[in-house]
Amino acid sequence: MLDDLDYDDSESPAIGLVRAGVSWDDVRDHIKIGHSPLLVPGDGGEYAGIYWTGTEAVVIDDLGPDQEDAIHEFRELLRERGEA
């Protein structure tokens, strides 16, 4: 499990904010246990979201370079997919 995650819970669903430098292996291990959606900063400056469907982790790439915009877009995608 990832320690000391910050969360954006201004709207539902709450999204965990992963710090830069955390490995994707650690993120995937966390999502298997924690199941809450996570926003992950990428090496190229773009954010990605990851969420648990109940049976697998799904990654949504290319959420943009701005954290607030990425959170908003990720929430909208989760709602459209019935994951919120």
N, C-alpha and C. Protein backbone atom coordinates (compact mmCIF):
# COMPACT_ATOMS: atom_id res chain seq x y z
N MET A 1 0.84 -1.18 0.00
CA MET A 1 0.00 0.00 0.00
C MET A 1 0.89 1.25 0.00
N LEU A 2 0.44 2.25 -0.73
CA LEU A 2 1.14 3.53 -0.75
C LEU A 2 0.80 4.31 0.51
N ASP A 3 1.81 4.86 1.13
CA ASP A 3 1.62 5.65 2.35
C ASP A 3 1.45 7.11 2.01
N ASP A 4 0.72 7.80 2.86
CA ASP A 4 0.61 9.25 2.81
C ASP A 4 0.12 9.80 1.47
N LEU A 5 -0.89 9.17 0.90
CA LEU A 5 -1.50 9.72 -0.31
C LEU A 5 -2.33 10.94 0.06
N ASP A 6 -2.28 11.95 -0.76
CA ASP A 6 -3.23 13.05 -0.65
C ASP A 6 -4.43 12.67 -1.50
N TYR A 7 -5.59 13.20 -1.16
CA TYR A 7 -6.81 12.91 -1.91
C TYR A 7 -7.49 14.20 -2.32
N ASP A 8 -8.01 14.21 -3.54
CA ASP A 8 -8.90 15.27 -3.95
C ASP A 8 -10.30 14.71 -3.76
N ASP A 9 -10.98 15.20 -2.72
CA ASP A 9 -12.32 14.72 -2.42
C ASP A 9 -13.35 15.85 -2.51
N SER A 10 -13.03 16.83 -3.35
CA SER A 10 -13.93 17.96 -3.53
C SER A 10 -15.22 17.53 -4.23
N GLU A 11 -15.16 16.44 -4.97
CA GLU A 11 -16.33 15.83 -5.63
C GLU A 11 -16.17 14.33 -5.52
N SER A 12 -17.25 13.62 -5.83
CA SER A 12 -17.20 12.17 -5.84
C SER A 12 -16.85 11.69 -7.25
N PRO A 13 -16.02 10.69 -7.38
CA PRO A 13 -15.33 9.95 -6.33
C PRO A 13 -14.04 10.66 -5.90
N ALA A 14 -13.61 10.36 -4.68
CA ALA A 14 -12.32 10.86 -4.21
C ALA A 14 -11.23 10.20 -5.05
N ILE A 15 -10.20 10.96 -5.38
CA ILE A 15 -9.10 10.45 -6.21
C ILE A 15 -7.80 10.63 -5.44
N GLY A 16 -7.07 9.52 -5.28
CA GLY A 16 -5.77 9.57 -4.64
C GLY A 16 -4.74 10.16 -5.57
N LEU A 17 -3.88 11.01 -5.02
CA LEU A 17 -2.86 11.69 -5.81
C LEU A 17 -1.50 11.09 -5.50
N VAL A 18 -0.97 10.37 -6.46
CA VAL A 18 0.32 9.68 -6.30
C VAL A 18 1.44 10.69 -6.53
N ARG A 19 2.44 10.65 -5.69
CA ARG A 19 3.59 11.54 -5.85
C ARG A 19 4.47 11.06 -7.01
N ALA A 20 5.20 12.00 -7.60
CA ALA A 20 6.16 11.68 -8.66
C ALA A 20 7.21 10.72 -8.12
N GLY A 21 7.64 9.80 -8.96
CA GLY A 21 8.70 8.88 -8.59
C GLY A 21 8.22 7.54 -8.06
N VAL A 22 6.92 7.40 -7.81
CA VAL A 22 6.38 6.12 -7.35
C VAL A 22 6.28 5.19 -8.57
N SER A 23 6.73 3.97 -8.42
CA SER A 23 6.74 3.04 -9.54
C SER A 23 5.33 2.55 -9.88
N TRP A 24 5.15 2.16 -11.14
CA TRP A 24 3.87 1.61 -11.56
C TRP A 24 3.58 0.29 -10.87
N ASP A 25 4.61 -0.47 -10.55
CA ASP A 25 4.40 -1.72 -9.79
C ASP A 25 3.78 -1.41 -8.43
N ASP A 26 4.29 -0.38 -7.75
CA ASP A 26 3.72 0.01 -6.46
C ASP A 26 2.28 0.52 -6.61
N VAL A 27 2.03 1.27 -7.67
CA VAL A 27 0.67 1.77 -7.92
C VAL A 27 -0.28 0.61 -8.16
N ARG A 28 0.11 -0.36 -8.98
CA ARG A 28 -0.75 -1.51 -9.26
C ARG A 28 -0.98 -2.36 -8.01
N ASP A 29 0.06 -2.53 -7.19
CA ASP A 29 -0.11 -3.27 -5.93
C ASP A 29 -1.11 -2.56 -5.03
N HIS A 30 -1.03 -1.23 -4.97
CA HIS A 30 -1.95 -0.46 -4.13
C HIS A 30 -3.39 -0.58 -4.62
N ILE A 31 -3.60 -0.44 -5.92
CA ILE A 31 -4.97 -0.44 -6.46
C ILE A 31 -5.64 -1.79 -6.25
N LYS A 32 -4.87 -2.87 -6.25
CA LYS A 32 -5.44 -4.21 -6.02
C LYS A 32 -6.01 -4.34 -4.62
N ILE A 33 -5.43 -3.60 -3.67
CA ILE A 33 -5.88 -3.67 -2.28
C ILE A 33 -6.84 -2.53 -1.94
N GLY A 34 -6.46 -1.30 -2.33
CA GLY A 34 -7.21 -0.11 -1.95
C GLY A 34 -8.44 0.16 -2.79
N HIS A 35 -8.38 -0.17 -4.07
CA HIS A 35 -9.48 -0.05 -5.03
C HIS A 35 -9.95 1.36 -5.33
N SER A 36 -9.40 2.39 -4.70
CA SER A 36 -9.84 3.75 -5.01
C SER A 36 -9.06 4.28 -6.20
N PRO A 37 -9.69 5.11 -7.04
CA PRO A 37 -9.01 5.65 -8.21
C PRO A 37 -7.79 6.48 -7.82
N LEU A 38 -6.76 6.41 -8.66
CA LEU A 38 -5.52 7.13 -8.42
C LEU A 38 -5.13 7.94 -9.65
N LEU A 39 -4.57 9.11 -9.42
CA LEU A 39 -4.00 9.93 -10.48
C LEU A 39 -2.49 9.87 -10.34
N VAL A 40 -1.81 9.50 -11.43
CA VAL A 40 -0.37 9.23 -11.40
C VAL A 40 0.34 10.16 -12.37
N PRO A 41 1.36 10.91 -11.89
CA PRO A 41 2.12 11.75 -12.82
C PRO A 41 3.04 10.87 -13.67
N GLY A 42 3.06 11.14 -14.97
CA GLY A 42 3.90 10.36 -15.87
C GLY A 42 5.26 10.99 -16.08
N ASP A 43 6.16 10.21 -16.63
CA ASP A 43 7.51 10.70 -16.90
C ASP A 43 7.52 11.83 -17.93
N GLY A 44 6.59 11.81 -18.86
CA GLY A 44 6.55 12.82 -19.91
C GLY A 44 5.76 14.06 -19.55
N GLY A 45 5.35 14.19 -18.28
CA GLY A 45 4.60 15.35 -17.85
C GLY A 45 3.09 15.20 -17.95
N GLU A 46 2.62 14.12 -18.53
CA GLU A 46 1.19 13.86 -18.66
C GLU A 46 0.72 13.01 -17.47
N TYR A 47 -0.48 13.26 -17.00
CA TYR A 47 -1.06 12.45 -15.94
C TYR A 47 -1.80 11.26 -16.52
N ALA A 48 -1.87 10.19 -15.74
CA ALA A 48 -2.66 9.02 -16.08
C ALA A 48 -3.52 8.68 -14.87
N GLY A 49 -4.67 8.11 -15.13
CA GLY A 49 -5.54 7.65 -14.05
C GLY A 49 -5.57 6.13 -14.07
N ILE A 50 -5.75 5.55 -12.89
CA ILE A 50 -5.89 4.10 -12.78
C ILE A 50 -7.03 3.82 -11.81
N TYR A 51 -7.88 2.86 -12.19
CA TYR A 51 -8.98 2.49 -11.30
C TYR A 51 -9.19 0.99 -11.36
N TRP A 52 -9.89 0.46 -10.36
CA TRP A 52 -10.15 -0.97 -10.22
C TRP A 52 -11.58 -1.25 -10.64
N THR A 53 -11.77 -2.21 -11.55
CA THR A 53 -13.11 -2.55 -12.04
C THR A 53 -13.80 -3.61 -11.21
N GLY A 54 -13.08 -4.20 -10.30
CA GLY A 54 -13.61 -5.33 -9.54
C GLY A 54 -12.84 -6.60 -9.86
N THR A 55 -12.27 -6.63 -11.06
CA THR A 55 -11.48 -7.79 -11.48
C THR A 55 -10.11 -7.42 -12.04
N GLU A 56 -9.93 -6.15 -12.45
CA GLU A 56 -8.66 -5.73 -13.03
C GLU A 56 -8.47 -4.23 -12.90
N ALA A 57 -7.21 -3.81 -13.04
CA ALA A 57 -6.88 -2.40 -13.05
C ALA A 57 -6.93 -1.89 -14.48
N VAL A 58 -7.51 -0.71 -14.66
CA VAL A 58 -7.59 -0.07 -15.97
C VAL A 58 -6.84 1.25 -15.89
N VAL A 59 -5.97 1.49 -16.86
CA VAL A 59 -5.19 2.73 -16.92
C VAL A 59 -5.74 3.61 -18.04
N ILE A 60 -5.95 4.87 -17.71
CA ILE A 60 -6.37 5.87 -18.69
C ILE A 60 -5.22 6.85 -18.85
N ASP A 61 -4.58 6.80 -20.01
CA ASP A 61 -3.43 7.66 -20.29
C ASP A 61 -3.88 9.01 -20.85
N ASP A 62 -2.93 9.91 -20.94
CA ASP A 62 -3.11 11.19 -21.64
C ASP A 62 -4.20 12.07 -21.04
N LEU A 63 -4.17 12.25 -19.73
CA LEU A 63 -5.13 13.13 -19.08
C LEU A 63 -4.64 14.57 -19.04
N GLY A 64 -3.48 14.81 -19.64
CA GLY A 64 -2.94 16.17 -19.75
C GLY A 64 -1.91 16.49 -18.68
N PRO A 65 -1.23 17.63 -18.85
CA PRO A 65 -0.14 18.00 -17.96
C PRO A 65 -0.58 18.78 -16.71
N ASP A 66 -1.81 19.28 -16.69
CA ASP A 66 -2.29 20.07 -15.56
C ASP A 66 -3.05 19.17 -14.59
N GLN A 67 -2.63 19.15 -13.32
CA GLN A 67 -3.24 18.24 -12.35
C GLN A 67 -4.74 18.48 -12.17
N GLU A 68 -5.16 19.72 -12.02
CA GLU A 68 -6.58 20.01 -11.81
C GLU A 68 -7.43 19.58 -13.01
N ASP A 69 -6.95 19.86 -14.21
CA ASP A 69 -7.66 19.43 -15.42
C ASP A 69 -7.71 17.91 -15.51
N ALA A 70 -6.60 17.26 -15.15
CA ALA A 70 -6.54 15.79 -15.20
C ALA A 70 -7.52 15.18 -14.21
N ILE A 71 -7.62 15.74 -13.01
CA ILE A 71 -8.58 15.25 -12.01
C ILE A 71 -10.00 15.37 -12.56
N HIS A 72 -10.32 16.52 -13.12
CA HIS A 72 -11.67 16.74 -13.67
C HIS A 72 -11.99 15.75 -14.79
N GLU A 73 -11.05 15.60 -15.73
CA GLU A 73 -11.28 14.69 -16.86
C GLU A 73 -11.40 13.24 -16.38
N PHE A 74 -10.55 12.85 -15.44
CA PHE A 74 -10.59 11.48 -14.91
C PHE A 74 -11.93 11.21 -14.23
N ARG A 75 -12.41 12.16 -13.43
CA ARG A 75 -13.73 11.98 -12.78
C ARG A 75 -14.84 11.80 -13.82
N GLU A 76 -14.81 12.64 -14.84
CA GLU A 76 -15.83 12.53 -15.89
C GLU A 76 -15.79 11.17 -16.56
N LEU A 77 -14.59 10.67 -16.87
CA LEU A 77 -14.47 9.35 -17.50
C LEU A 77 -14.96 8.24 -16.56
N LEU A 78 -14.66 8.36 -15.27
CA LEU A 78 -15.14 7.37 -14.31
C LEU A 78 -16.67 7.36 -14.27
N ARG A 79 -17.27 8.54 -14.28
CA ARG A 79 -18.74 8.64 -14.26
C ARG A 79 -19.34 8.05 -15.54
N GLU A 80 -18.75 8.37 -16.69
CA GLU A 80 -19.25 7.83 -17.96
C GLU A 80 -19.18 6.31 -17.99
N ARG A 81 -18.18 5.74 -17.35
CA ARG A 81 -17.98 4.28 -17.34
C ARG A 81 -18.71 3.60 -16.19
N GLY A 82 -19.45 4.39 -15.40
CA GLY A 82 -20.20 3.81 -14.29
C GLY A 82 -19.33 3.38 -13.12
N GLU A 83 -18.18 3.99 -12.99
CA GLU A 83 -17.23 3.62 -11.93
C GLU A 83 -17.22 4.63 -10.79
N ALA A 84 -18.16 5.56 -10.80
CA ALA A 84 -18.20 6.58 -9.75
C ALA A 84 -19.48 6.47 -8.96
